[in-house]
Amino acid sequence: MPILGRLVLMALGLLLAIPAGAGALTLLLLLDPAAQGWLANGALAGLDALLPDLAAGLAPETMLIVLAGLAQALFGLLVLPPVLIALIGETLRLRSLAWYGGACGLLTAALPWLMRGAPRPGGSVERLAAEGRLSAILFLAGAAAGLVYWLVAGRGGDAR
């Protein structure tokens, strides 16, 4: 029966941690002046790509493809790190805030770098600074998710 209790705590912790990470990411992106520029430029680029297709009479399925890609990226950034860190932490019976907050933040910040693969050649100082800011934002969002998971399910003693 204690295993069932841990599973319920894990599910509740993840159910609360994932929206907490999403909320932190949204708040951090809205508060950061550089990120506001990225969001505005991205939205304008999306409209520029979509409007000519619609005006040419093409089906609006391109919008669904863009939304599916965005959902996949958000799933990878907001759901996978807390789930992986929770599974590893529960398997190894880790109860440390540093594990859940730090590891989840590091994994969230590292995912874009890992998915990109090789570094881009000819990096300017401005681009490196922007990537560093984005990595810091992702770290804080992941750390917020890890903290919420730790508060709900990670800090309790071994209830097995």
C-alpha atoms as a PDB file:
ATOM      1  CA  MET A   1       0.000   0.000   0.000  1.00  0.00           C
ATOM      2  CA  PRO A   2       2.832   2.509   0.591  1.00  0.00           C
ATOM      3  CA  ILE A   3       3.864   2.148  -3.066  1.00  0.00           C
ATOM      4  CA  LEU A   4       0.361   3.183  -4.114  1.00  0.00           C
ATOM      5  CA  GLY A   5       0.662   6.233  -1.868  1.00  0.00           C
ATOM      6  CA  ARG A   6       3.976   7.224  -3.492  1.00  0.00           C
ATOM      7  CA  LEU A   7       2.439   6.823  -6.961  1.00  0.00           C
ATOM      8  CA  VAL A   8      -0.461   9.079  -6.001  1.00  0.00           C
ATOM      9  CA  LEU A   9       1.966  11.659  -4.580  1.00  0.00           C
ATOM     10  CA  MET A  10       4.082  11.466  -7.747  1.00  0.00           C
ATOM     11  CA  ALA A  11       1.053  11.975  -9.971  1.00  0.00           C
ATOM     12  CA  LEU A  12      -0.181  14.889  -7.858  1.00  0.00           C
ATOM     13  CA  GLY A  13       3.293  16.413  -7.774  1.00  0.00           C
ATOM     14  CA  LEU A  14       3.633  16.207 -11.542  1.00  0.00           C
ATOM     15  CA  LEU A  15       0.080  17.443 -12.047  1.00  0.00           C
ATOM     16  CA  LEU A  16       1.023  20.595 -10.124  1.00  0.00           C
ATOM     17  CA  ALA A  17       4.655  20.925 -11.253  1.00  0.00           C
ATOM     18  CA  ILE A  18       4.006  21.010 -14.996  1.00  0.00           C
ATOM     19  CA  PRO A  19       1.587  23.988 -14.893  1.00  0.00           C
ATOM     20  CA  ALA A  20       3.914  25.713 -12.417  1.00  0.00           C
ATOM     21  CA  GLY A  21       6.773  25.414 -14.904  1.00  0.00           C
ATOM     22  CA  ALA A  22       4.524  26.646 -17.716  1.00  0.00           C
ATOM     23  CA  GLY A  23       3.393  29.598 -15.616  1.00  0.00           C
ATOM     24  CA  ALA A  24       6.953  30.472 -14.639  1.00  0.00           C
ATOM     25  CA  LEU A  25       8.077  30.275 -18.266  1.00  0.00           C
ATOM     26  CA  THR A  26       5.208  32.509 -19.387  1.00  0.00           C
ATOM     27  CA  LEU A  27       5.858  35.036 -16.625  1.00  0.00           C
ATOM     28  CA  LEU A  28       9.606  35.118 -17.251  1.00  0.00           C
ATOM     29  CA  LEU A  29       9.144  35.534 -20.997  1.00  0.00           C
ATOM     30  CA  LEU A  30       6.666  38.374 -20.476  1.00  0.00           C
ATOM     31  CA  LEU A  31       8.870  40.160 -17.930  1.00  0.00           C
ATOM     32  CA  ASP A  32      12.135  39.932 -19.869  1.00  0.00           C
ATOM     33  CA  PRO A  33      12.448  42.837 -22.336  1.00  0.00           C
ATOM     34  CA  ALA A  34      14.588  40.845 -24.767  1.00  0.00           C
ATOM     35  CA  ALA A  35      12.136  37.943 -24.713  1.00  0.00           C
ATOM     36  CA  GLN A  36       9.285  40.347 -25.477  1.00  0.00           C
ATOM     37  CA  GLY A  37      11.125  41.266 -28.667  1.00  0.00           C
ATOM     38  CA  TRP A  38      11.629  37.580 -29.543  1.00  0.00           C
ATOM     39  CA  LEU A  39       7.927  36.881 -29.023  1.00  0.00           C
ATOM     40  CA  ALA A  40       6.848  39.864 -31.106  1.00  0.00           C
ATOM     41  CA  ASN A  41       9.249  39.011 -33.933  1.00  0.00           C
ATOM     42  CA  GLY A  42       8.177  35.364 -33.856  1.00  0.00           C
ATOM     43  CA  ALA A  43       4.499  36.279 -33.999  1.00  0.00           C
ATOM     44  CA  LEU A  44       5.095  38.661 -36.904  1.00  0.00           C
ATOM     45  CA  ALA A  45       7.134  36.059 -38.771  1.00  0.00           C
ATOM     46  CA  GLY A  46       4.346  33.530 -38.253  1.00  0.00           C
ATOM     47  CA  LEU A  47       1.762  35.943 -39.604  1.00  0.00           C
ATOM     48  CA  ASP A  48       3.969  36.801 -42.579  1.00  0.00           C
ATOM     49  CA  ALA A  49       4.289  33.102 -43.393  1.00  0.00           C
ATOM     50  CA  LEU A  50       0.608  32.314 -42.877  1.00  0.00           C
ATOM     51  CA  LEU A  51      -1.167  35.240 -44.537  1.00  0.00           C
ATOM     52  CA  PRO A  52       0.224  34.733 -48.067  1.00  0.00           C
ATOM     53  CA  ASP A  53      -0.777  31.061 -47.906  1.00  0.00           C
ATOM     54  CA  LEU A  54      -4.312  31.983 -46.888  1.00  0.00           C
ATOM     55  CA  ALA A  55      -4.526  34.713 -49.537  1.00  0.00           C
ATOM     56  CA  ALA A  56      -3.374  32.244 -52.212  1.00  0.00           C
ATOM     57  CA  GLY A  57      -6.256  29.958 -51.309  1.00  0.00           C
ATOM     58  CA  LEU A  58      -4.199  27.265 -49.611  1.00  0.00           C
ATOM     59  CA  ALA A  59      -5.825  25.344 -46.822  1.00  0.00           C
ATOM     60  CA  PRO A  60      -5.225  26.631 -43.283  1.00  0.00           C
ATOM     61  CA  GLU A  61      -3.670  23.285 -42.373  1.00  0.00           C
ATOM     62  CA  THR A  62      -0.323  25.034 -42.255  1.00  0.00           C
ATOM     63  CA  MET A  63      -1.542  26.716 -39.077  1.00  0.00           C
ATOM     64  CA  LEU A  64      -2.261  23.304 -37.579  1.00  0.00           C
ATOM     65  CA  ILE A  65       1.218  22.124 -38.491  1.00  0.00           C
ATOM     66  CA  VAL A  66       2.749  25.165 -36.801  1.00  0.00           C
ATOM     67  CA  LEU A  67       0.600  24.657 -33.706  1.00  0.00           C
ATOM     68  CA  ALA A  68       1.531  20.960 -33.589  1.00  0.00           C
ATOM     69  CA  GLY A  69       5.223  21.863 -33.729  1.00  0.00           C
ATOM     70  CA  LEU A  70       4.771  24.430 -30.969  1.00  0.00           C
ATOM     71  CA  ALA A  71       2.900  21.910 -28.820  1.00  0.00           C
ATOM     72  CA  GLN A  72       5.646  19.335 -29.347  1.00  0.00           C
ATOM     73  CA  ALA A  73       8.341  21.838 -28.339  1.00  0.00           C
ATOM     74  CA  LEU A  74       6.407  22.904 -25.239  1.00  0.00           C
ATOM     75  CA  PHE A  75       5.831  19.258 -24.288  1.00  0.00           C
ATOM     76  CA  GLY A  76       9.560  18.653 -24.534  1.00  0.00           C
ATOM     77  CA  LEU A  77      10.406  21.685 -22.415  1.00  0.00           C
ATOM     78  CA  LEU A  78       7.623  21.578 -19.835  1.00  0.00           C
ATOM     79  CA  VAL A  79       6.627  17.927 -19.378  1.00  0.00           C
ATOM     80  CA  LEU A  80       9.658  15.747 -20.076  1.00  0.00           C
ATOM     81  CA  PRO A  81      12.135  17.299 -17.578  1.00  0.00           C
ATOM     82  CA  PRO A  82       9.874  17.066 -14.496  1.00  0.00           C
ATOM     83  CA  VAL A  83       8.762  13.540 -15.416  1.00  0.00           C
ATOM     84  CA  LEU A  84      12.309  12.287 -16.007  1.00  0.00           C
ATOM     85  CA  ILE A  85      13.686  13.929 -12.874  1.00  0.00           C
ATOM     86  CA  ALA A  86      10.777  12.608 -10.789  1.00  0.00           C
ATOM     87  CA  LEU A  87      11.258   9.067 -12.093  1.00  0.00           C
ATOM     88  CA  ILE A  88      15.004   9.142 -11.439  1.00  0.00           C
ATOM     89  CA  GLY A  89      14.519  10.748  -8.026  1.00  0.00           C
ATOM     90  CA  GLU A  90      11.879   8.246  -6.963  1.00  0.00           C
ATOM     91  CA  THR A  91      13.899   5.300  -8.262  1.00  0.00           C
ATOM     92  CA  LEU A  92      17.011   6.421  -6.365  1.00  0.00           C
ATOM     93  CA  ARG A  93      14.932   7.630  -3.376  1.00  0.00           C
ATOM     94  CA  LEU A  94      16.343  11.132  -3.554  1.00  0.00           C
ATOM     95  CA  ARG A  95      14.647  13.724  -1.346  1.00  0.00           C
ATOM     96  CA  SER A  96      16.877  16.752  -1.933  1.00  0.00           C
ATOM     97  CA  LEU A  97      15.586  20.114  -3.103  1.00  0.00           C
ATOM     98  CA  ALA A  98      18.868  20.518  -4.980  1.00  0.00           C
ATOM     99  CA  TRP A  99      18.090  17.373  -6.963  1.00  0.00           C
ATOM    100  CA  TYR A 100      14.540  18.237  -7.949  1.00  0.00           C
ATOM    101  CA  GLY A 101      15.004  21.977  -8.484  1.00  0.00           C
ATOM    102  CA  GLY A 102      18.552  21.950  -9.819  1.00  0.00           C
ATOM    103  CA  ALA A 103      18.383  18.878 -12.016  1.00  0.00           C
ATOM    104  CA  CYS A 104      15.016  19.830 -13.486  1.00  0.00           C
ATOM    105  CA  GLY A 105      16.282  23.356 -14.188  1.00  0.00           C
ATOM    106  CA  LEU A 106      19.505  22.093 -15.757  1.00  0.00           C
ATOM    107  CA  LEU A 107      17.705  19.549 -17.921  1.00  0.00           C
ATOM    108  CA  THR A 108      15.155  22.121 -19.089  1.00  0.00           C
ATOM    109  CA  ALA A 109      17.890  24.630 -19.949  1.00  0.00           C
ATOM    110  CA  ALA A 110      20.034  21.997 -21.674  1.00  0.00           C
ATOM    111  CA  LEU A 111      17.316  20.499 -23.889  1.00  0.00           C
ATOM    112  CA  PRO A 112      17.489  23.147 -26.655  1.00  0.00           C
ATOM    113  CA  TRP A 113      21.268  22.821 -26.739  1.00  0.00           C
ATOM    114  CA  LEU A 114      21.074  19.021 -26.853  1.00  0.00           C
ATOM    115  CA  MET A 115      18.386  18.967 -29.551  1.00  0.00           C
ATOM    116  CA  ARG A 116      20.326  21.393 -31.736  1.00  0.00           C
ATOM    117  CA  GLY A 117      23.376  19.145 -31.771  1.00  0.00           C
ATOM    118  CA  ALA A 118      26.493  20.878 -33.044  1.00  0.00           C
ATOM    119  CA  PRO A 119      27.085  24.543 -32.192  1.00  0.00           C
ATOM    120  CA  ARG A 120      26.299  27.058 -34.877  1.00  0.00           C
ATOM    121  CA  PRO A 121      29.362  28.469 -36.622  1.00  0.00           C
ATOM    122  CA  GLY A 122      30.183  32.163 -36.435  1.00  0.00           C
ATOM    123  CA  GLY A 123      28.363  33.044 -33.235  1.00  0.00           C
ATOM    124  CA  SER A 124      28.125  36.748 -32.573  1.00  0.00           C
ATOM    125  CA  VAL A 125      28.293  38.146 -29.082  1.00  0.00           C
ATOM    126  CA  GLU A 126      24.680  39.350 -29.287  1.00  0.00           C
ATOM    127  CA  ARG A 127      23.387  35.935 -30.331  1.00  0.00           C
ATOM    128  CA  LEU A 128      25.366  34.198 -27.594  1.00  0.00           C
ATOM    129  CA  ALA A 129      24.003  36.664 -25.047  1.00  0.00           C
ATOM    130  CA  ALA A 130      20.445  36.031 -26.270  1.00  0.00           C
ATOM    131  CA  GLU A 131      20.939  32.258 -26.048  1.00  0.00           C
ATOM    132  CA  GLY A 132      22.356  32.690 -22.554  1.00  0.00           C
ATOM    133  CA  ARG A 133      19.295  34.712 -21.496  1.00  0.00           C
ATOM    134  CA  LEU A 134      16.975  32.086 -22.919  1.00  0.00           C
ATOM    135  CA  SER A 135      18.909  29.334 -21.137  1.00  0.00           C
ATOM    136  CA  ALA A 136      18.598  31.243 -17.853  1.00  0.00           C
ATOM    137  CA  ILE A 137      14.840  31.658 -18.393  1.00  0.00           C
ATOM    138  CA  LEU A 138      14.465  27.947 -19.140  1.00  0.00           C
ATOM    139  CA  PHE A 139      16.555  27.047 -16.093  1.00  0.00           C
ATOM    140  CA  LEU A 140      14.335  29.126 -13.815  1.00  0.00           C
ATOM    141  CA  ALA A 141      11.156  27.661 -15.320  1.00  0.00           C
ATOM    142  CA  GLY A 142      12.475  24.111 -14.867  1.00  0.00           C
ATOM    143  CA  ALA A 143      13.648  24.891 -11.346  1.00  0.00           C
ATOM    144  CA  ALA A 144      10.163  26.194 -10.495  1.00  0.00           C
ATOM    145  CA  ALA A 145       8.627  22.937 -11.720  1.00  0.00           C
ATOM    146  CA  GLY A 146      11.182  20.917  -9.748  1.00  0.00           C
ATOM    147  CA  LEU A 147      10.524  22.967  -6.616  1.00  0.00           C
ATOM    148  CA  VAL A 148       6.776  22.412  -6.830  1.00  0.00           C
ATOM    149  CA  TYR A 149       7.301  18.672  -7.333  1.00  0.00           C
ATOM    150  CA  TRP A 150       9.663  18.566  -4.354  1.00  0.00           C
ATOM    151  CA  LEU A 151       7.165  20.455  -2.165  1.00  0.00           C
ATOM    152  CA  VAL A 152       4.382  18.011  -3.026  1.00  0.00           C
ATOM    153  CA  ALA A 153       6.091  14.661  -3.379  1.00  0.00           C
ATOM    154  CA  GLY A 154       9.840  14.883  -2.931  1.00  0.00           C
ATOM    155  CA  ARG A 155      10.487  16.196   0.544  1.00  0.00           C
ATOM    156  CA  GLY A 156       8.540  13.530   2.421  1.00  0.00           C
ATOM    157  CA  GLY A 157      10.420  10.696   4.003  1.00  0.00           C
ATOM    158  CA  ASP A 158      10.482   7.218   2.566  1.00  0.00           C
ATOM    159  CA  ALA A 159       6.866   6.250   2.896  1.00  0.00           C
ATOM    160  CA  ARG A 160       7.381   2.890   1.205  1.00  0.00           C
END
